[in-house]
Amino acid sequence: MIGSISPVGTQLLSKPTSIVPEAGAAAGTGVASSFAAALADAAAQTQATLRQAEQLSLAGLQGKADTREVVDAVMSAEQALQAAVAIRDKIVTAYLEVSRMGI
């Protein structure tokens, strides 16, 4: 679908994370854990989307699923994978920038 947001992008935008560490947490660990949790959630959602598309594709080959459903699932999986690759690329770029900084 043109103009739709992938499930990964929707999840990342709809779940705000707190910058302030939670009560009882060591300074800085709340941010790291919430960022790690957001990445883990995004990866899990992407994986689930890819699995669903694969299952619908197999069902379509067997004649058990409508062609429209298969196409929608594959397009959704493609969008989710593109979002995951873009996030990975941004993380790698940020890491390389930080590693080049002088101390």
N, C-alpha and C. Protein backbone atom coordinates (compact mmCIF):
# COMPACT_ATOMS: atom_id res chain seq x y z
N MET A 1 0.83 -1.18 0.00
CA MET A 1 0.00 0.00 0.00
C MET A 1 0.87 1.24 0.00
N ILE A 2 0.51 2.18 -0.80
CA ILE A 2 1.27 3.42 -0.88
C ILE A 2 0.83 4.32 0.27
N GLY A 3 1.81 4.89 0.95
CA GLY A 3 1.51 5.83 2.03
C GLY A 3 1.26 5.17 3.37
N SER A 4 1.31 3.86 3.45
CA SER A 4 1.09 3.22 4.74
C SER A 4 2.42 3.09 5.48
N ILE A 5 2.33 3.02 6.79
CA ILE A 5 3.52 2.88 7.63
C ILE A 5 3.63 1.41 8.00
N SER A 6 4.84 0.89 7.94
CA SER A 6 5.06 -0.51 8.28
C SER A 6 4.78 -0.73 9.75
N PRO A 7 4.46 -1.96 10.16
CA PRO A 7 4.22 -2.24 11.58
C PRO A 7 5.40 -1.88 12.45
N VAL A 8 6.61 -2.02 11.94
CA VAL A 8 7.79 -1.68 12.73
C VAL A 8 7.82 -0.19 12.99
N GLY A 9 7.62 0.61 11.95
CA GLY A 9 7.62 2.05 12.11
C GLY A 9 6.50 2.53 13.01
N THR A 10 5.33 1.91 12.90
CA THR A 10 4.21 2.27 13.76
C THR A 10 4.54 1.98 15.20
N GLN A 11 5.12 0.83 15.46
CA GLN A 11 5.45 0.46 16.83
C GLN A 11 6.49 1.38 17.42
N LEU A 12 7.50 1.72 16.64
CA LEU A 12 8.55 2.60 17.15
C LEU A 12 8.02 4.00 17.41
N LEU A 13 7.07 4.46 16.59
CA LEU A 13 6.53 5.80 16.78
C LEU A 13 5.47 5.84 17.86
N SER A 14 4.76 4.74 18.08
CA SER A 14 3.66 4.76 19.04
C SER A 14 4.09 4.44 20.45
N LYS A 15 5.29 3.91 20.67
CA LYS A 15 5.76 3.56 22.00
C LYS A 15 6.87 4.52 22.43
N PRO A 16 6.48 5.66 23.04
CA PRO A 16 7.54 6.56 23.49
C PRO A 16 8.32 5.94 24.64
N THR A 17 9.62 6.18 24.63
CA THR A 17 10.47 5.66 25.70
C THR A 17 10.93 6.81 26.56
N SER A 18 11.11 6.53 27.81
CA SER A 18 11.50 7.55 28.77
C SER A 18 13.00 7.77 28.71
N ILE A 19 13.40 9.02 28.75
CA ILE A 19 14.82 9.35 28.78
C ILE A 19 15.31 9.33 30.22
N VAL A 20 14.40 9.56 31.17
CA VAL A 20 14.75 9.57 32.58
C VAL A 20 14.79 8.13 33.08
N PRO A 21 15.88 7.71 33.76
CA PRO A 21 15.95 6.35 34.28
C PRO A 21 14.83 6.10 35.28
N GLU A 22 14.36 4.86 35.31
CA GLU A 22 13.30 4.49 36.23
C GLU A 22 13.82 4.48 37.66
N ALA A 23 12.91 4.61 38.61
CA ALA A 23 13.30 4.63 40.01
C ALA A 23 13.98 3.33 40.38
N GLY A 24 15.09 3.42 41.09
CA GLY A 24 15.82 2.23 41.51
C GLY A 24 16.84 1.76 40.50
N ALA A 25 16.84 2.33 39.31
CA ALA A 25 17.80 1.91 38.28
C ALA A 25 19.05 2.78 38.39
N ALA A 26 20.17 2.21 38.03
CA ALA A 26 21.42 2.97 38.04
C ALA A 26 21.36 4.02 36.95
N ALA A 27 22.09 5.11 37.12
CA ALA A 27 22.07 6.20 36.16
C ALA A 27 22.52 5.71 34.80
N GLY A 28 21.71 5.99 33.77
CA GLY A 28 22.07 5.62 32.41
C GLY A 28 21.55 4.25 31.99
N THR A 29 21.18 3.38 32.89
CA THR A 29 20.72 2.05 32.49
C THR A 29 19.29 2.07 31.98
N GLY A 30 18.46 3.01 32.42
CA GLY A 30 17.08 3.09 31.95
C GLY A 30 17.01 3.42 30.48
N VAL A 31 17.85 4.34 30.04
CA VAL A 31 17.86 4.72 28.63
C VAL A 31 18.37 3.57 27.78
N ALA A 32 19.44 2.95 28.21
CA ALA A 32 20.01 1.84 27.43
C ALA A 32 19.03 0.68 27.34
N SER A 33 18.39 0.36 28.45
CA SER A 33 17.47 -0.78 28.42
C SER A 33 16.22 -0.46 27.61
N SER A 34 15.73 0.78 27.65
CA SER A 34 14.55 1.11 26.86
C SER A 34 14.88 1.13 25.37
N PHE A 35 16.09 1.59 25.02
CA PHE A 35 16.52 1.57 23.62
C PHE A 35 16.69 0.13 23.15
N ALA A 36 17.33 -0.68 23.99
CA ALA A 36 17.51 -2.09 23.65
C ALA A 36 16.16 -2.79 23.53
N ALA A 37 15.24 -2.45 24.42
CA ALA A 37 13.91 -3.06 24.37
C ALA A 37 13.17 -2.64 23.10
N ALA A 38 13.31 -1.37 22.72
CA ALA A 38 12.66 -0.90 21.50
C ALA A 38 13.22 -1.61 20.28
N LEU A 39 14.55 -1.80 20.24
CA LEU A 39 15.15 -2.52 19.12
C LEU A 39 14.73 -3.98 19.10
N ALA A 40 14.67 -4.59 20.28
CA ALA A 40 14.25 -5.99 20.36
C ALA A 40 12.80 -6.15 19.91
N ASP A 41 11.94 -5.21 20.33
CA ASP A 41 10.53 -5.25 19.91
C ASP A 41 10.40 -5.08 18.39
N ALA A 42 11.18 -4.15 17.84
CA ALA A 42 11.13 -3.92 16.40
C ALA A 42 11.61 -5.15 15.64
N ALA A 43 12.68 -5.78 16.13
CA ALA A 43 13.19 -6.98 15.48
C ALA A 43 12.18 -8.13 15.56
N ALA A 44 11.55 -8.27 16.72
CA ALA A 44 10.55 -9.34 16.89
C ALA A 44 9.35 -9.10 15.98
N GLN A 45 8.91 -7.85 15.87
CA GLN A 45 7.78 -7.53 15.00
C GLN A 45 8.12 -7.78 13.54
N THR A 46 9.33 -7.43 13.14
CA THR A 46 9.77 -7.68 11.77
C THR A 46 9.82 -9.17 11.48
N GLN A 47 10.36 -9.92 12.42
CA GLN A 47 10.44 -11.37 12.25
C GLN A 47 9.04 -11.98 12.13
N ALA A 48 8.11 -11.53 12.95
CA ALA A 48 6.74 -12.05 12.89
C ALA A 48 6.08 -11.71 11.55
N THR A 49 6.33 -10.51 11.06
CA THR A 49 5.77 -10.10 9.77
C THR A 49 6.34 -10.95 8.63
N LEU A 50 7.64 -11.22 8.69
CA LEU A 50 8.26 -12.05 7.66
C LEU A 50 7.74 -13.49 7.71
N ARG A 51 7.56 -14.02 8.91
CA ARG A 51 7.02 -15.38 9.06
C ARG A 51 5.60 -15.47 8.51
N GLN A 52 4.78 -14.45 8.83
CA GLN A 52 3.40 -14.46 8.36
C GLN A 52 3.36 -14.42 6.83
N ALA A 53 4.22 -13.61 6.23
CA ALA A 53 4.26 -13.53 4.77
C ALA A 53 4.70 -14.86 4.17
N GLU A 54 5.67 -15.50 4.81
CA GLU A 54 6.12 -16.80 4.31
C GLU A 54 5.01 -17.85 4.39
N GLN A 55 4.29 -17.86 5.51
CA GLN A 55 3.20 -18.82 5.67
C GLN A 55 2.08 -18.57 4.66
N LEU A 56 1.75 -17.30 4.44
CA LEU A 56 0.71 -16.99 3.46
C LEU A 56 1.17 -17.32 2.04
N SER A 57 2.45 -17.14 1.77
CA SER A 57 2.97 -17.49 0.45
C SER A 57 2.85 -18.99 0.20
N LEU A 58 3.20 -19.78 1.21
CA LEU A 58 3.05 -21.23 1.07
C LEU A 58 1.58 -21.63 0.92
N ALA A 59 0.72 -20.99 1.68
CA ALA A 59 -0.72 -21.28 1.55
C ALA A 59 -1.22 -20.87 0.17
N GLY A 60 -0.70 -19.78 -0.36
CA GLY A 60 -1.08 -19.35 -1.71
C GLY A 60 -0.64 -20.34 -2.77
N LEU A 61 0.56 -20.90 -2.60
CA LEU A 61 1.04 -21.91 -3.55
C LEU A 61 0.19 -23.17 -3.50
N GLN A 62 -0.35 -23.47 -2.33
CA GLN A 62 -1.20 -24.65 -2.18
C GLN A 62 -2.64 -24.36 -2.57
N GLY A 63 -2.95 -23.11 -2.90
CA GLY A 63 -4.31 -22.74 -3.29
C GLY A 63 -5.23 -22.49 -2.12
N LYS A 64 -4.70 -22.33 -0.93
CA LYS A 64 -5.52 -22.14 0.27
C LYS A 64 -5.68 -20.67 0.66
N ALA A 65 -4.95 -19.77 0.00
CA ALA A 65 -5.02 -18.35 0.33
C ALA A 65 -5.28 -17.54 -0.93
N ASP A 66 -5.95 -16.42 -0.75
CA ASP A 66 -6.27 -15.52 -1.85
C ASP A 66 -4.99 -14.80 -2.30
N THR A 67 -4.88 -14.56 -3.58
CA THR A 67 -3.71 -13.89 -4.13
C THR A 67 -3.52 -12.51 -3.52
N ARG A 68 -4.62 -11.81 -3.30
CA ARG A 68 -4.55 -10.46 -2.72
C ARG A 68 -3.94 -10.49 -1.32
N GLU A 69 -4.32 -11.48 -0.52
CA GLU A 69 -3.77 -11.61 0.84
C GLU A 69 -2.26 -11.88 0.78
N VAL A 70 -1.86 -12.72 -0.15
CA VAL A 70 -0.44 -13.06 -0.30
C VAL A 70 0.35 -11.82 -0.69
N VAL A 71 -0.15 -11.07 -1.66
CA VAL A 71 0.54 -9.86 -2.12
C VAL A 71 0.64 -8.84 -0.99
N ASP A 72 -0.45 -8.64 -0.25
CA ASP A 72 -0.43 -7.69 0.88
C ASP A 72 0.58 -8.11 1.94
N ALA A 73 0.62 -9.40 2.26
CA ALA A 73 1.55 -9.89 3.28
C ALA A 73 3.00 -9.74 2.83
N VAL A 74 3.26 -10.03 1.56
CA VAL A 74 4.63 -9.91 1.04
C VAL A 74 5.06 -8.45 0.99
N MET A 75 4.16 -7.56 0.61
CA MET A 75 4.49 -6.14 0.58
C MET A 75 4.74 -5.60 1.99
N SER A 76 3.95 -6.05 2.94
CA SER A 76 4.14 -5.65 4.33
C SER A 76 5.48 -6.15 4.85
N ALA A 77 5.82 -7.38 4.51
CA ALA A 77 7.11 -7.95 4.92
C ALA A 77 8.26 -7.19 4.29
N GLU A 78 8.10 -6.80 3.04
CA GLU A 78 9.16 -6.03 2.36
C GLU A 78 9.36 -4.67 3.03
N GLN A 79 8.27 -4.00 3.40
CA GLN A 79 8.37 -2.72 4.09
C GLN A 79 9.04 -2.88 5.45
N ALA A 80 8.68 -3.92 6.17
CA ALA A 80 9.26 -4.16 7.49
C ALA A 80 10.75 -4.44 7.38
N LEU A 81 11.13 -5.22 6.39
CA LEU A 81 12.55 -5.53 6.19
C LEU A 81 13.33 -4.29 5.78
N GLN A 82 12.77 -3.46 4.92
CA GLN A 82 13.43 -2.22 4.53
C GLN A 82 13.61 -1.29 5.73
N ALA A 83 12.61 -1.23 6.61
CA ALA A 83 12.72 -0.40 7.82
C ALA A 83 13.81 -0.94 8.74
N ALA A 84 13.88 -2.25 8.88
CA ALA A 84 14.90 -2.86 9.74
C ALA A 84 16.30 -2.60 9.19
N VAL A 85 16.45 -2.69 7.89
CA VAL A 85 17.76 -2.43 7.26
C VAL A 85 18.13 -0.96 7.42
N ALA A 86 17.17 -0.06 7.28
CA ALA A 86 17.45 1.37 7.45
C ALA A 86 17.87 1.67 8.89
N ILE A 87 17.20 1.06 9.85
CA ILE A 87 17.57 1.25 11.27
C ILE A 87 18.97 0.72 11.52
N ARG A 88 19.26 -0.46 10.98
CA ARG A 88 20.60 -1.02 11.14
C ARG A 88 21.66 -0.11 10.55
N ASP A 89 21.39 0.42 9.36
CA ASP A 89 22.35 1.31 8.72
C ASP A 89 22.60 2.56 9.54
N LYS A 90 21.55 3.11 10.13
CA LYS A 90 21.70 4.31 10.97
C LYS A 90 22.52 4.00 12.22
N ILE A 91 22.30 2.84 12.81
CA ILE A 91 23.05 2.46 14.00
C ILE A 91 24.53 2.27 13.67
N VAL A 92 24.81 1.62 12.55
CA VAL A 92 26.20 1.41 12.14
C VAL A 92 26.88 2.74 11.85
N THR A 93 26.18 3.64 11.17
CA THR A 93 26.73 4.96 10.88
C THR A 93 27.02 5.73 12.16
N ALA A 94 26.10 5.69 13.11
CA ALA A 94 26.32 6.37 14.39
C ALA A 94 27.50 5.77 15.13
N TYR A 95 27.62 4.46 15.12
CA TYR A 95 28.75 3.81 15.78
C TYR A 95 30.07 4.23 15.15
N LEU A 96 30.11 4.27 13.83
CA LEU A 96 31.34 4.67 13.14
C LEU A 96 31.71 6.12 13.44
N GLU A 97 30.70 6.99 13.53
CA GLU A 97 30.95 8.38 13.88
C GLU A 97 31.53 8.50 15.29
N VAL A 98 30.96 7.78 16.22
CA VAL A 98 31.43 7.83 17.60
C VAL A 98 32.84 7.25 17.69
N SER A 99 33.11 6.20 16.95
CA SER A 99 34.45 5.58 17.03
C SER A 99 35.53 6.47 16.42
N ARG A 100 35.17 7.40 15.55
CA ARG A 100 36.14 8.32 14.95
C ARG A 100 36.40 9.54 15.81
N MET A 101 35.58 9.76 16.84
CA MET A 101 35.75 10.95 17.68
C MET A 101 37.05 10.85 18.50
N GLY A 102 37.68 11.99 18.62
CA GLY A 102 38.88 12.05 19.44
C GLY A 102 38.53 12.16 20.92
N ILE A 103 39.34 11.58 21.72
CA ILE A 103 39.06 11.61 23.17
C ILE A 103 39.89 12.67 23.82
